Amino acid sequence: QVPLVESGGGLVQAGGSLRLSCVASGRTFRTNAMGWFRQAPGKEREFVAAISDVGTTTYYADSVKGRFTISRDNIENALYLQMNGLKPEDTAVYYCAASNLRFGILLRTQQEYPYWGQGTQVTVSS
């Protein structure tokens, strides 16, 4: 059973917005930091954003800072990524992940995430 399920991807024009959601299934991640990663065709998976267990600290890749906002709802056991000002270079499969860490700069490292979703496709047309 996949522990995390993403939704909200799709096709959008440059400058548009999308909101990705990630819902935990089968267990709670309220004491885990969580993050979003993405993988574009022909490229390695890269860090996008992360949020601490209680949601008070966030981390962003420089490429999305000021355009994307990560948030979480620990009552609903859900994670979100609001993406504004989308660019064609944001096109990728976006993955939700949960870490065994609660906060910290190591959240930029995908090796710190043992739990992953299957991904949702985001395509930005120019």
PDB file of N, CA and C in Angstrom:
ATOM      1  N   GLN A   1       0.848  -1.191   0.000  1.00  0.00           N
ATOM      2  CA  GLN A   1       0.000   0.000   0.000  1.00  0.00           C
ATOM      3  C   GLN A   1       0.879   1.234   0.000  1.00  0.00           C
ATOM      4  N   VAL A   2       0.606   2.135  -0.975  1.00  0.00           N
ATOM      5  CA  VAL A   2       1.372   3.375  -1.066  1.00  0.00           C
ATOM      6  C   VAL A   2       0.949   4.281   0.080  1.00  0.00           C
ATOM      7  N   PRO A   3       1.895   4.749   0.876  1.00  0.00           N
ATOM      8  CA  PRO A   3       1.531   5.519   2.070  1.00  0.00           C
ATOM      9  C   PRO A   3       1.086   6.939   1.776  1.00  0.00           C
ATOM     10  N   LEU A   4       1.462   7.471   0.614  1.00  0.00           N
ATOM     11  CA  LEU A   4       1.148   8.845   0.273  1.00  0.00           C
ATOM     12  C   LEU A   4       0.553   8.904  -1.130  1.00  0.00           C
ATOM     13  N   VAL A   5      -0.496   9.682  -1.298  1.00  0.00           N
ATOM     14  CA  VAL A   5      -1.172   9.784  -2.593  1.00  0.00           C
ATOM     15  C   VAL A   5      -1.289  11.256  -2.977  1.00  0.00           C
ATOM     16  N   GLU A   6      -0.680  11.601  -4.122  1.00  0.00           N
ATOM     17  CA  GLU A   6      -0.730  12.970  -4.616  1.00  0.00           C
ATOM     18  C   GLU A   6      -1.897  13.175  -5.585  1.00  0.00           C
ATOM     19  N   SER A   7      -2.333  14.421  -5.685  1.00  0.00           N
ATOM     20  CA  SER A   7      -3.352  14.808  -6.663  1.00  0.00           C
ATOM     21  C   SER A   7      -3.189  16.290  -6.977  1.00  0.00           C
ATOM     22  N   GLY A   8      -3.875  16.733  -8.033  1.00  0.00           N
ATOM     23  CA  GLY A   8      -3.874  18.154  -8.355  1.00  0.00           C
ATOM     24  C   GLY A   8      -3.010  18.550  -9.524  1.00  0.00           C
ATOM     25  N   GLY A   9      -2.266  17.609 -10.081  1.00  0.00           N
ATOM     26  CA  GLY A   9      -1.454  17.937 -11.238  1.00  0.00           C
ATOM     27  C   GLY A   9      -2.312  18.163 -12.470  1.00  0.00           C
ATOM     28  N   GLY A  10      -1.677  18.631 -13.536  1.00  0.00           N
ATOM     29  CA  GLY A  10      -2.405  18.855 -14.773  1.00  0.00           C
ATOM     30  C   GLY A  10      -1.629  19.726 -15.728  1.00  0.00           C
ATOM     31  N   LEU A  11      -2.336  20.207 -16.741  1.00  0.00           N
ATOM     32  CA  LEU A  11      -1.743  21.061 -17.769  1.00  0.00           C
ATOM     33  C   LEU A  11      -2.180  22.501 -17.523  1.00  0.00           C
ATOM     34  N   VAL A  12      -1.225  23.415 -17.515  1.00  0.00           N
ATOM     35  CA  VAL A  12      -1.529  24.820 -17.253  1.00  0.00           C
ATOM     36  C   VAL A  12      -0.627  25.686 -18.126  1.00  0.00           C
ATOM     37  N   GLN A  13      -1.097  26.865 -18.474  1.00  0.00           N
ATOM     38  CA  GLN A  13      -0.269  27.786 -19.252  1.00  0.00           C
ATOM     39  C   GLN A  13       0.736  28.499 -18.348  1.00  0.00           C
ATOM     40  N   ALA A  14       1.813  28.932 -18.941  1.00  0.00           N
ATOM     41  CA  ALA A  14       2.816  29.695 -18.201  1.00  0.00           C
ATOM     42  C   ALA A  14       2.164  30.890 -17.520  1.00  0.00           C
ATOM     43  N   GLY A  15       2.542  31.119 -16.268  1.00  0.00           N
ATOM     44  CA  GLY A  15       1.955  32.182 -15.482  1.00  0.00           C
ATOM     45  C   GLY A  15       0.766  31.734 -14.647  1.00  0.00           C
ATOM     46  N   GLY A  16       0.276  30.548 -14.912  1.00  0.00           N
ATOM     47  CA  GLY A  16      -0.872  30.031 -14.191  1.00  0.00           C
ATOM     48  C   GLY A  16      -0.504  29.431 -12.851  1.00  0.00           C
ATOM     49  N   SER A  17      -1.524  28.838 -12.213  1.00  0.00           N
ATOM     50  CA  SER A  17      -1.356  28.281 -10.871  1.00  0.00           C
ATOM     51  C   SER A  17      -1.941  26.876 -10.786  1.00  0.00           C
ATOM     52  N   LEU A  18      -1.377  26.094  -9.891  1.00  0.00           N
ATOM     53  CA  LEU A  18      -1.911  24.780  -9.534  1.00  0.00           C
ATOM     54  C   LEU A  18      -1.689  24.573  -8.045  1.00  0.00           C
ATOM     55  N   ARG A  19      -2.549  23.761  -7.455  1.00  0.00           N
ATOM     56  CA  ARG A  19      -2.375  23.385  -6.055  1.00  0.00           C
ATOM     57  C   ARG A  19      -2.312  21.873  -5.962  1.00  0.00           C
ATOM     58  N   LEU A  20      -1.176  21.354  -5.533  1.00  0.00           N
ATOM     59  CA  LEU A  20      -1.004  19.930  -5.342  1.00  0.00           C
ATOM     60  C   LEU A  20      -1.398  19.552  -3.920  1.00  0.00           C
ATOM     61  N   SER A  21      -1.986  18.388  -3.803  1.00  0.00           N
ATOM     62  CA  SER A  21      -2.349  17.851  -2.499  1.00  0.00           C
ATOM     63  C   SER A  21      -1.710  16.480  -2.328  1.00  0.00           C
ATOM     64  N   CYS A  22      -1.474  16.122  -1.086  1.00  0.00           N
ATOM     65  CA  CYS A  22      -0.908  14.808  -0.755  1.00  0.00           C
ATOM     66  C   CYS A  22      -1.585  14.336   0.517  1.00  0.00           C
ATOM     67  N   VAL A  23      -2.204  13.176   0.439  1.00  0.00           N
ATOM     68  CA  VAL A  23      -2.921  12.636   1.585  1.00  0.00           C
ATOM     69  C   VAL A  23      -2.243  11.354   2.035  1.00  0.00           C
ATOM     70  N   ALA A  24      -2.043  11.242   3.326  1.00  0.00           N
ATOM     71  CA  ALA A  24      -1.452  10.031   3.876  1.00  0.00           C
ATOM     72  C   ALA A  24      -2.508   8.946   4.007  1.00  0.00           C
ATOM     73  N   SER A  25      -2.091   7.737   3.710  1.00  0.00           N
ATOM     74  CA  SER A  25      -3.003   6.591   3.749  1.00  0.00           C
ATOM     75  C   SER A  25      -2.430   5.507   4.636  1.00  0.00           C
ATOM     76  N   GLY A  26      -3.211   5.068   5.607  1.00  0.00           N
ATOM     77  CA  GLY A  26      -2.788   3.937   6.415  1.00  0.00           C
ATOM     78  C   GLY A  26      -1.997   4.284   7.658  1.00  0.00           C
ATOM     79  N   ARG A  27      -1.476   5.487   7.730  1.00  0.00           N
ATOM     80  CA  ARG A  27      -0.752   5.912   8.918  1.00  0.00           C
ATOM     81  C   ARG A  27      -0.716   7.427   8.956  1.00  0.00           C
ATOM     82  N   THR A  28      -0.342   7.945  10.104  1.00  0.00           N
ATOM     83  CA  THR A  28      -0.245   9.384  10.262  1.00  0.00           C
ATOM     84  C   THR A  28       1.212   9.833  10.143  1.00  0.00           C
ATOM     85  N   PHE A  29       1.408  11.044   9.631  1.00  0.00           N
ATOM     86  CA  PHE A  29       2.739  11.613   9.524  1.00  0.00           C
ATOM     87  C   PHE A  29       2.836  12.916  10.302  1.00  0.00           C
ATOM     88  N   ARG A  30       2.043  13.019  11.362  1.00  0.00           N
ATOM     89  CA  ARG A  30       1.986  14.277  12.108  1.00  0.00           C
ATOM     90  C   ARG A  30       3.285  14.614  12.822  1.00  0.00           C
ATOM     91  N   THR A  31       4.127  13.611  13.072  1.00  0.00           N
ATOM     92  CA  THR A  31       5.408  13.868  13.736  1.00  0.00           C
ATOM     93  C   THR A  31       6.570  13.762  12.753  1.00  0.00           C
ATOM     94  N   ASN A  32       6.266  13.844  11.471  1.00  0.00           N
ATOM     95  CA  ASN A  32       7.293  13.759  10.435  1.00  0.00           C
ATOM     96  C   ASN A  32       7.316  15.049   9.624  1.00  0.00           C
ATOM     97  N   ALA A  33       8.519  15.524   9.334  1.00  0.00           N
ATOM     98  CA  ALA A  33       8.622  16.567   8.322  1.00  0.00           C
ATOM     99  C   ALA A  33       8.234  15.969   6.972  1.00  0.00           C
ATOM    100  N   MET A  34       7.759  16.805   6.076  1.00  0.00           N
ATOM    101  CA  MET A  34       7.342  16.332   4.765  1.00  0.00           C
ATOM    102  C   MET A  34       7.875  17.257   3.689  1.00  0.00           C
ATOM    103  N   GLY A  35       7.924  16.726   2.476  1.00  0.00           N
ATOM    104  CA  GLY A  35       8.498  17.532   1.413  1.00  0.00           C
ATOM    105  C   GLY A  35       7.919  17.213   0.049  1.00  0.00           C
ATOM    106  N   TRP A  36       8.233  18.078  -0.895  1.00  0.00           N
ATOM    107  CA  TRP A  36       7.903  17.875  -2.303  1.00  0.00           C
ATOM    108  C   TRP A  36       9.201  17.833  -3.101  1.00  0.00           C
ATOM    109  N   PHE A  37       9.269  16.882  -4.005  1.00  0.00           N
ATOM    110  CA  PHE A  37      10.370  16.770  -4.944  1.00  0.00           C
ATOM    111  C   PHE A  37       9.781  16.703  -6.348  1.00  0.00           C
ATOM    112  N   ARG A  38      10.614  16.893  -7.360  1.00  0.00           N
ATOM    113  CA  ARG A  38      10.131  16.780  -8.730  1.00  0.00           C
ATOM    114  C   ARG A  38      11.213  16.187  -9.620  1.00  0.00           C
ATOM    115  N   GLN A  39      10.758  15.563 -10.697  1.00  0.00           N
ATOM    116  CA  GLN A  39      11.682  14.984 -11.665  1.00  0.00           C
ATOM    117  C   GLN A  39      11.204  15.310 -13.061  1.00  0.00           C
ATOM    118  N   ALA A  40      12.012  16.075 -13.769  1.00  0.00           N
ATOM    119  CA  ALA A  40      11.722  16.419 -15.159  1.00  0.00           C
ATOM    120  C   ALA A  40      12.290  15.342 -16.070  1.00  0.00           C
ATOM    121  N   PRO A  41      11.771  15.236 -17.290  1.00  0.00           N
ATOM    122  CA  PRO A  41      12.277  14.209 -18.222  1.00  0.00           C
ATOM    123  C   PRO A  41      13.774  14.344 -18.443  1.00  0.00           C
ATOM    124  N   GLY A  42      14.480  13.235 -18.293  1.00  0.00           N
ATOM    125  CA  GLY A  42      15.905  13.223 -18.532  1.00  0.00           C
ATOM    126  C   GLY A  42      16.754  13.828 -17.438  1.00  0.00           C
ATOM    127  N   LYS A  43      16.120  14.200 -16.322  1.00  0.00           N
ATOM    128  CA  LYS A  43      16.859  14.822 -15.228  1.00  0.00           C
ATOM    129  C   LYS A  43      16.668  14.028 -13.945  1.00  0.00           C
ATOM    130  N   GLU A  44      17.550  14.287 -12.980  1.00  0.00           N
ATOM    131  CA  GLU A  44      17.429  13.632 -11.691  1.00  0.00           C
ATOM    132  C   GLU A  44      16.336  14.307 -10.855  1.00  0.00           C
ATOM    133  N   ARG A  45      15.810  13.544  -9.924  1.00  0.00           N
ATOM    134  CA  ARG A  45      14.805  14.097  -9.024  1.00  0.00           C
ATOM    135  C   ARG A  45      15.453  15.172  -8.147  1.00  0.00           C
ATOM    136  N   GLU A  46      14.754  16.285  -7.946  1.00  0.00           N
ATOM    137  CA  GLU A  46      15.318  17.392  -7.195  1.00  0.00           C
ATOM    138  C   GLU A  46      14.358  17.889  -6.114  1.00  0.00           C
ATOM    139  N   PHE A  47      14.925  18.486  -5.100  1.00  0.00           N
ATOM    140  CA  PHE A  47      14.169  19.057  -3.997  1.00  0.00           C
ATOM    141  C   PHE A  47      13.395  20.284  -4.455  1.00  0.00           C
ATOM    142  N   VAL A  48      12.157  20.416  -3.972  1.00  0.00           N
ATOM    143  CA  VAL A  48      11.334  21.590  -4.257  1.00  0.00           C
ATOM    144  C   VAL A  48      11.055  22.384  -2.980  1.00  0.00           C
ATOM    145  N   ALA A  49      10.485  21.697  -1.981  1.00  0.00           N
ATOM    146  CA  ALA A  49      10.119  22.387  -0.742  1.00  0.00           C
ATOM    147  C   ALA A  49       9.929  21.360   0.360  1.00  0.00           C
ATOM    148  N   ALA A  50      10.063  21.806   1.604  1.00  0.00           N
ATOM    149  CA  ALA A  50       9.842  20.940   2.757  1.00  0.00           C
ATOM    150  C   ALA A  50       9.239  21.760   3.892  1.00  0.00           C
ATOM    151  N   ILE A  51       8.615  21.044   4.828  1.00  0.00           N
ATOM    152  CA  ILE A  51       7.979  21.701   5.963  1.00  0.00           C
ATOM    153  C   ILE A  51       8.182  20.846   7.205  1.00  0.00           C
ATOM    154  N   SER A  52       8.429  21.499   8.315  1.00  0.00           N
ATOM    155  CA  SER A  52       8.670  20.780   9.563  1.00  0.00           C
ATOM    156  C   SER A  52       7.409  20.074  10.056  1.00  0.00           C
ATOM    157  N   ASP A  53       7.558  19.244  11.059  1.00  0.00           N
ATOM    158  CA  ASP A  53       6.450  18.411  11.519  1.00  0.00           C
ATOM    159  C   ASP A  53       5.244  19.234  11.964  1.00  0.00           C
ATOM    160  N   VAL A  54       5.475  20.342  12.637  1.00  0.00           N
ATOM    161  CA  VAL A  54       4.348  21.151  13.112  1.00  0.00           C
ATOM    162  C   VAL A  54       4.043  22.317  12.183  1.00  0.00           C
ATOM    163  N   GLY A  55       4.769  22.401  11.090  1.00  0.00           N
ATOM    164  CA  GLY A  55       4.467  23.400  10.080  1.00  0.00           C
ATOM    165  C   GLY A  55       5.003  24.785  10.316  1.00  0.00           C
ATOM    166  N   THR A  56       5.890  24.944  11.290  1.00  0.00           N
ATOM    167  CA  THR A  56       6.379  26.278  11.609  1.00  0.00           C
ATOM    168  C   THR A  56       7.593  26.690  10.790  1.00  0.00           C
ATOM    169  N   THR A  57       8.277  25.729  10.179  1.00  0.00           N
ATOM    170  CA  THR A  57       9.484  26.035   9.408  1.00  0.00           C
ATOM    171  C   THR A  57       9.357  25.446   8.017  1.00  0.00           C
ATOM    172  N   THR A  58       9.687  26.252   7.013  1.00  0.00           N
ATOM    173  CA  THR A  58       9.623  25.796   5.629  1.00  0.00           C
ATOM    174  C   THR A  58      10.971  26.008   4.949  1.00  0.00           C
ATOM    175  N   TYR A  59      11.197  25.223   3.917  1.00  0.00           N
ATOM    176  CA  TYR A  59      12.441  25.266   3.164  1.00  0.00           C
ATOM    177  C   TYR A  59      12.071  25.207   1.680  1.00  0.00           C
ATOM    178  N   TYR A  60      12.771  25.990   0.860  1.00  0.00           N
ATOM    179  CA  TYR A  60      12.465  26.035  -0.568  1.00  0.00           C
ATOM    180  C   TYR A  60      13.741  25.985  -1.399  1.00  0.00           C
ATOM    181  N   ALA A  61      13.617  25.369  -2.557  1.00  0.00           N
ATOM    182  CA  ALA A  61      14.681  25.483  -3.551  1.00  0.00           C
ATOM    183  C   ALA A  61      14.683  26.906  -4.082  1.00  0.00           C
ATOM    184  N   ASP A  62      15.851  27.400  -4.440  1.00  0.00           N
ATOM    185  CA  ASP A  62      15.944  28.769  -4.945  1.00  0.00           C
ATOM    186  C   ASP A  62      15.079  28.978  -6.185  1.00  0.00           C
ATOM    187  N   SER A  63      14.929  27.944  -6.980  1.00  0.00           N
ATOM    188  CA  SER A  63      14.196  28.063  -8.241  1.00  0.00           C
ATOM    189  C   SER A  63      12.698  28.296  -8.052  1.00  0.00           C
ATOM    190  N   VAL A  64      12.173  27.992  -6.861  1.00  0.00           N
ATOM    191  CA  VAL A  64      10.729  28.144  -6.640  1.00  0.00           C
ATOM    192  C   VAL A  64      10.402  29.162  -5.551  1.00  0.00           C
ATOM    193  N   LYS A  65      11.423  29.661  -4.878  1.00  0.00           N
ATOM    194  CA  LYS A  65      11.207  30.593  -3.770  1.00  0.00           C
ATOM    195  C   LYS A  65      10.454  31.829  -4.264  1.00  0.00           C
ATOM    196  N   GLY A  66       9.408  32.207  -3.533  1.00  0.00           N
ATOM    197  CA  GLY A  66       8.602  33.356  -3.906  1.00  0.00           C
ATOM    198  C   GLY A  66       7.451  33.019  -4.834  1.00  0.00           C
ATOM    199  N   ARG A  67       7.443  31.822  -5.401  1.00  0.00           N
ATOM    200  CA  ARG A  67       6.360  31.395  -6.295  1.00  0.00           C
ATOM    201  C   ARG A  67       5.550  30.239  -5.708  1.00  0.00           C
ATOM    202  N   PHE A  68       6.210  29.332  -5.003  1.00  0.00           N
ATOM    203  CA  PHE A  68       5.559  28.158  -4.428  1.00  0.00           C
ATOM    204  C   PHE A  68       5.436  28.326  -2.916  1.00  0.00           C
ATOM    205  N   THR A  69       4.356  27.743  -2.370  1.00  0.00           N
ATOM    206  CA  THR A  69       4.144  27.752  -0.925  1.00  0.00           C
ATOM    207  C   THR A  69       3.749  26.359  -0.467  1.00  0.00           C
ATOM    208  N   ILE A  70       4.504  25.834   0.486  1.00  0.00           N
ATOM    209  CA  ILE A  70       4.195  24.524   1.056  1.00  0.00           C
ATOM    210  C   ILE A  70       3.443  24.735   2.365  1.00  0.00           C
ATOM    211  N   SER A  71       2.461  23.872   2.610  1.00  0.00           N
ATOM    212  CA  SER A  71       1.704  23.942   3.860  1.00  0.00           C
ATOM    213  C   SER A  71       1.211  22.548   4.204  1.00  0.00           C
ATOM    214  N   ARG A  72       0.723  22.392   5.429  1.00  0.00           N
ATOM    215  CA  ARG A  72       0.217  21.087   5.847  1.00  0.00           C
ATOM    216  C   ARG A  72      -0.954  21.274   6.799  1.00  0.00           C
ATOM    217  N   ASP A  73      -1.782  20.249   6.864  1.00  0.00           N
ATOM    218  CA  ASP A  73      -2.916  20.220   7.779  1.00  0.00           C
ATOM    219  C   ASP A  73      -2.814  18.910   8.539  1.00  0.00           C
ATOM    220  N   ASN A  74      -2.337  18.977   9.763  1.00  0.00           N
ATOM    221  CA  ASN A  74      -2.104  17.750  10.530  1.00  0.00           C
ATOM    222  C   ASN A  74      -3.396  17.123  11.042  1.00  0.00           C
ATOM    223  N   ILE A  75      -4.470  17.857  11.014  1.00  0.00           N
ATOM    224  CA  ILE A  75      -5.759  17.260  11.366  1.00  0.00           C
ATOM    225  C   ILE A  75      -6.246  16.375  10.228  1.00  0.00           C
ATOM    226  N   GLU A  76      -6.083  16.884   9.010  1.00  0.00           N
ATOM    227  CA  GLU A  76      -6.496  16.127   7.820  1.00  0.00           C
ATOM    228  C   GLU A  76      -5.402  15.182   7.328  1.00  0.00           C
ATOM    229  N   ASN A  77      -4.223  15.244   7.968  1.00  0.00           N
ATOM    230  CA  ASN A  77      -3.100  14.380   7.563  1.00  0.00           C
ATOM    231  C   ASN A  77      -2.749  14.628   6.099  1.00  0.00           C
ATOM    232  N   ALA A  78      -2.670  15.923   5.732  1.00  0.00           N
ATOM    233  CA  ALA A  78      -2.470  16.293   4.335  1.00  0.00           C
ATOM    234  C   ALA A  78      -1.349  17.309   4.185  1.00  0.00           C
ATOM    235  N   LEU A  79      -0.767  17.311   3.001  1.00  0.00           N
ATOM    236  CA  LEU A  79       0.312  18.215   2.623  1.00  0.00           C
ATOM    237  C   LEU A  79      -0.096  18.900   1.330  1.00  0.00           C
ATOM    238  N   TYR A  80       0.284  20.178   1.181  1.00  0.00           N
ATOM    239  CA  TYR A  80      -0.103  20.938  -0.006  1.00  0.00           C
ATOM    240  C   TYR A  80       1.102  21.663  -0.607  1.00  0.00           C
ATOM    241  N   LEU A  81       0.990  21.950  -1.890  1.00  0.00           N
ATOM    242  CA  LEU A  81       1.966  22.804  -2.559  1.00  0.00           C
ATOM    243  C   LEU A  81       1.206  23.738  -3.495  1.00  0.00           C
ATOM    244  N   GLN A  82       1.134  25.001  -3.120  1.00  0.00           N
ATOM    245  CA  GLN A  82       0.517  26.009  -3.962  1.00  0.00           C
ATOM    246  C   GLN A  82       1.578  26.555  -4.905  1.00  0.00           C
ATOM    247  N   MET A  83       1.331  26.427  -6.200  1.00  0.00           N
ATOM    248  CA  MET A  83       2.310  26.833  -7.205  1.00  0.00           C
ATOM    249  C   MET A  83       1.731  27.970  -8.028  1.00  0.00           C
ATOM    250  N   ASN A  84       2.329  29.134  -7.937  1.00  0.00           N
ATOM    251  CA  ASN A  84       1.917  30.307  -8.698  1.00  0.00           C
ATOM    252  C   ASN A  84       3.028  30.717  -9.668  1.00  0.00           C
ATOM    253  N   GLY A  85       2.677  31.483 -10.656  1.00  0.00           N
ATOM    254  CA  GLY A  85       3.675  31.946 -11.606  1.00  0.00           C
ATOM    255  C   GLY A  85       4.436  30.814 -12.271  1.00  0.00           C
ATOM    256  N   LEU A  86       3.714  29.779 -12.662  1.00  0.00           N
ATOM    257  CA  LEU A  86       4.369  28.592 -13.204  1.00  0.00           C
ATOM    258  C   LEU A  86       5.097  28.903 -14.512  1.00  0.00           C
ATOM    259  N   LYS A  87       6.211  28.224 -14.686  1.00  0.00           N
ATOM    260  CA  LYS A  87       7.069  28.373 -15.857  1.00  0.00           C
ATOM    261  C   LYS A  87       7.205  27.026 -16.558  1.00  0.00           C
ATOM    262  N   PRO A  88       7.516  27.035 -17.853  1.00  0.00           N
ATOM    263  CA  PRO A  88       7.702  25.748 -18.545  1.00  0.00           C
ATOM    264  C   PRO A  88       8.746  24.860 -17.871  1.00  0.00           C
ATOM    265  N   GLU A  89       9.755  25.450 -17.270  1.00  0.00           N
ATOM    266  CA  GLU A  89      10.782  24.650 -16.604  1.00  0.00           C
ATOM    267  C   GLU A  89      10.296  24.009 -15.306  1.00  0.00           C
ATOM    268  N   ASP A  90       9.091  24.317 -14.886  1.00  0.00           N
ATOM    269  CA  ASP A  90       8.496  23.632 -13.733  1.00  0.00           C
ATOM    270  C   ASP A  90       7.844  22.314 -14.133  1.00  0.00           C
ATOM    271  N   THR A  91       7.781  22.030 -15.419  1.00  0.00           N
ATOM    272  CA  THR A  91       7.209  20.778 -15.900  1.00  0.00           C
ATOM    273  C   THR A  91       7.976  19.591 -15.356  1.00  0.00           C
ATOM    274  N   ALA A  92       7.261  18.691 -14.684  1.00  0.00           N
ATOM    275  CA  ALA A  92       7.895  17.534 -14.049  1.00  0.00           C
ATOM    276  C   ALA A  92       6.820  16.675 -13.400  1.00  0.00           C
ATOM    277  N   VAL A  93       7.240  15.507 -12.966  1.00  0.00           N
ATOM    278  CA  VAL A  93       6.417  14.705 -12.065  1.00  0.00           C
ATOM    279  C   VAL A  93       6.770  15.154 -10.644  1.00  0.00           C
ATOM    280  N   TYR A  94       5.742  15.511  -9.885  1.00  0.00           N
ATOM    281  CA  TYR A  94       5.932  15.994  -8.522  1.00  0.00           C
ATOM    282  C   TYR A  94       5.593  14.888  -7.524  1.00  0.00           C
ATOM    283  N   TYR A  95       6.509  14.686  -6.576  1.00  0.00           N
ATOM    284  CA  TYR A  95       6.371  13.633  -5.587  1.00  0.00           C
ATOM    285  C   TYR A  95       6.252  14.229  -4.188  1.00  0.00           C
ATOM    286  N   CYS A  96       5.353  13.657  -3.414  1.00  0.00           N
ATOM    287  CA  CYS A  96       5.223  13.955  -2.004  1.00  0.00           C
ATOM    288  C   CYS A  96       6.041  12.914  -1.229  1.00  0.00           C
ATOM    289  N   ALA A  97       6.677  13.345  -0.138  1.00  0.00           N
ATOM    290  CA  ALA A  97       7.493  12.422   0.645  1.00  0.00           C
ATOM    291  C   ALA A  97       7.441  12.792   2.119  1.00  0.00           C
ATOM    292  N   ALA A  98       7.635  11.781   2.966  1.00  0.00           N
ATOM    293  CA  ALA A  98       7.679  11.990   4.409  1.00  0.00           C
ATOM    294  C   ALA A  98       9.024  11.525   4.945  1.00  0.00           C
ATOM    295  N   SER A  99       9.582  12.338   5.842  1.00  0.00           N
ATOM    296  CA  SER A  99      10.888  12.061   6.409  1.00  0.00           C
ATOM    297  C   SER A  99      10.763  11.504   7.825  1.00  0.00           C
ATOM    298  N   ASN A 100      11.832  10.878   8.302  1.00  0.00           N
ATOM    299  CA  ASN A 100      11.894  10.496   9.705  1.00  0.00           C
ATOM    300  C   ASN A 100      12.411  11.647  10.566  1.00  0.00           C
ATOM    301  N   LEU A 101      12.871  12.710   9.926  1.00  0.00           N
ATOM    302  CA  LEU A 101      13.273  13.910  10.631  1.00  0.00           C
ATOM    303  C   LEU A 101      12.047  14.750  10.957  1.00  0.00           C
ATOM    304  N   ARG A 102      12.220  15.665  11.907  1.00  0.00           N
ATOM    305  CA  ARG A 102      11.111  16.570  12.253  1.00  0.00           C
ATOM    306  C   ARG A 102      11.341  17.969  11.697  1.00  0.00           C
ATOM    307  N   PHE A 103      12.602  18.329  11.463  1.00  0.00           N
ATOM    308  CA  PHE A 103      12.936  19.625  10.873  1.00  0.00           C
ATOM    309  C   PHE A 103      14.430  19.594  10.520  1.00  0.00           C
ATOM    310  N   GLY A 104      14.921  20.653   9.853  1.00  0.00           N
ATOM    311  CA  GLY A 104      16.349  20.757   9.606  1.00  0.00           C
ATOM    312  C   GLY A 104      16.721  20.816   8.136  1.00  0.00           C
ATOM    313  N   ILE A 105      17.935  21.292   7.874  1.00  0.00           N
ATOM    314  CA  ILE A 105      18.363  21.511   6.497  1.00  0.00           C
ATOM    315  C   ILE A 105      18.563  20.209   5.733  1.00  0.00           C
ATOM    316  N   LEU A 106      18.701  19.088   6.436  1.00  0.00           N
ATOM    317  CA  LEU A 106      18.827  17.807   5.747  1.00  0.00           C
ATOM    318  C   LEU A 106      17.555  17.436   5.002  1.00  0.00           C
ATOM    319  N   LEU A 107      16.481  18.141   5.249  1.00  0.00           N
ATOM    320  CA  LEU A 107      15.238  17.893   4.528  1.00  0.00           C
ATOM    321  C   LEU A 107      15.358  18.201   3.046  1.00  0.00           C
ATOM    322  N   ARG A 108      16.429  18.870   2.637  1.00  0.00           N
ATOM    323  CA  ARG A 108      16.667  19.097   1.215  1.00  0.00           C
ATOM    324  C   ARG A 108      17.193  17.854   0.515  1.00  0.00           C
ATOM    325  N   THR A 109      17.509  16.829   1.285  1.00  0.00           N
ATOM    326  CA  THR A 109      18.140  15.621   0.763  1.00  0.00           C
ATOM    327  C   THR A 109      17.122  14.503   0.658  1.00  0.00           C
ATOM    328  N   GLN A 110      16.925  13.960  -0.530  1.00  0.00           N
ATOM    329  CA  GLN A 110      15.866  12.962  -0.706  1.00  0.00           C
ATOM    330  C   GLN A 110      16.160  11.664   0.029  1.00  0.00           C
ATOM    331  N   GLN A 111      17.425  11.424   0.354  1.00  0.00           N
ATOM    332  CA  GLN A 111      17.756  10.205   1.098  1.00  0.00           C
ATOM    333  C   GLN A 111      17.181  10.210   2.511  1.00  0.00           C
ATOM    334  N   GLU A 112      16.744  11.381   2.986  1.00  0.00           N
ATOM    335  CA  GLU A 112      16.148  11.482   4.321  1.00  0.00           C
ATOM    336  C   GLU A 112      14.660  11.159   4.320  1.00  0.00           C
ATOM    337  N   TYR A 113      14.130  10.729   3.181  1.00  0.00           N
ATOM    338  CA  TYR A 113      12.698  10.470   3.057  1.00  0.00           C
ATOM    339  C   TYR A 113      12.455   8.991   2.744  1.00  0.00           C
ATOM    340  N   PRO A 114      12.006   8.207   3.683  1.00  0.00           N
ATOM    341  CA  PRO A 114      11.742   6.793   3.404  1.00  0.00           C
ATOM    342  C   PRO A 114      10.355   6.512   2.821  1.00  0.00           C
ATOM    343  N   TYR A 115       9.462   7.509   2.874  1.00  0.00           N
ATOM    344  CA  TYR A 115       8.090   7.298   2.410  1.00  0.00           C
ATOM    345  C   TYR A 115       7.800   8.208   1.227  1.00  0.00           C
ATOM    346  N   TRP A 116       7.271   7.618   0.148  1.00  0.00           N
ATOM    347  CA  TRP A 116       7.039   8.359  -1.085  1.00  0.00           C
ATOM    348  C   TRP A 116       5.687   8.060  -1.689  1.00  0.00           C
ATOM    349  N   GLY A 117       5.136   9.040  -2.400  1.00  0.00           N
ATOM    350  CA  GLY A 117       3.970   8.801  -3.223  1.00  0.00           C
ATOM    351  C   GLY A 117       4.383   8.394  -4.624  1.00  0.00           C
ATOM    352  N   GLN A 118       3.403   8.169  -5.474  1.00  0.00           N
ATOM    353  CA  GLN A 118       3.671   7.728  -6.838  1.00  0.00           C
ATOM    354  C   GLN A 118       3.851   8.885  -7.813  1.00  0.00           C
ATOM    355  N   GLY A 119       3.532  10.088  -7.390  1.00  0.00           N
ATOM    356  CA  GLY A 119       3.775  11.260  -8.213  1.00  0.00           C
ATOM    357  C   GLY A 119       2.560  11.724  -8.991  1.00  0.00           C
ATOM    358  N   THR A 120       2.568  13.013  -9.322  1.00  0.00           N
ATOM    359  CA  THR A 120       1.523  13.602 -10.151  1.00  0.00           C
ATOM    360  C   THR A 120       2.184  14.506 -11.186  1.00  0.00           C
ATOM    361  N   GLN A 121       1.717  14.416 -12.434  1.00  0.00           N
ATOM    362  CA  GLN A 121       2.348  15.143 -13.534  1.00  0.00           C
ATOM    363  C   GLN A 121       1.881  16.594 -13.564  1.00  0.00           C
ATOM    364  N   VAL A 122       2.838  17.502 -13.667  1.00  0.00           N
ATOM    365  CA  VAL A 122       2.561  18.917 -13.886  1.00  0.00           C
ATOM    366  C   VAL A 122       3.211  19.319 -15.204  1.00  0.00           C
ATOM    367  N   THR A 123       2.415  19.852 -16.101  1.00  0.00           N
ATOM    368  CA  THR A 123       2.918  20.289 -17.401  1.00  0.00           C
ATOM    369  C   THR A 123       2.555  21.757 -17.601  1.00  0.00           C
ATOM    370  N   VAL A 124       3.574  22.572 -17.874  1.00  0.00           N
ATOM    371  CA  VAL A 124       3.372  24.009 -18.069  1.00  0.00           C
ATOM    372  C   VAL A 124       3.714  24.335 -19.511  1.00  0.00           C
ATOM    373  N   SER A 125       2.736  24.826 -20.234  1.00  0.00           N
ATOM    374  CA  SER A 125       2.944  25.167 -21.641  1.00  0.00           C
ATOM    375  C   SER A 125       3.345  26.634 -21.782  1.00  0.00           C
ATOM    376  N   SER A 126       4.154  26.893 -22.790  1.00  0.00           N
ATOM    377  CA  SER A 126       4.640  28.272 -23.009  1.00  0.00           C
ATOM    378  C   SER A 126       3.701  29.068 -23.887  1.00  0.00           C
TER     379      SER A 126
END
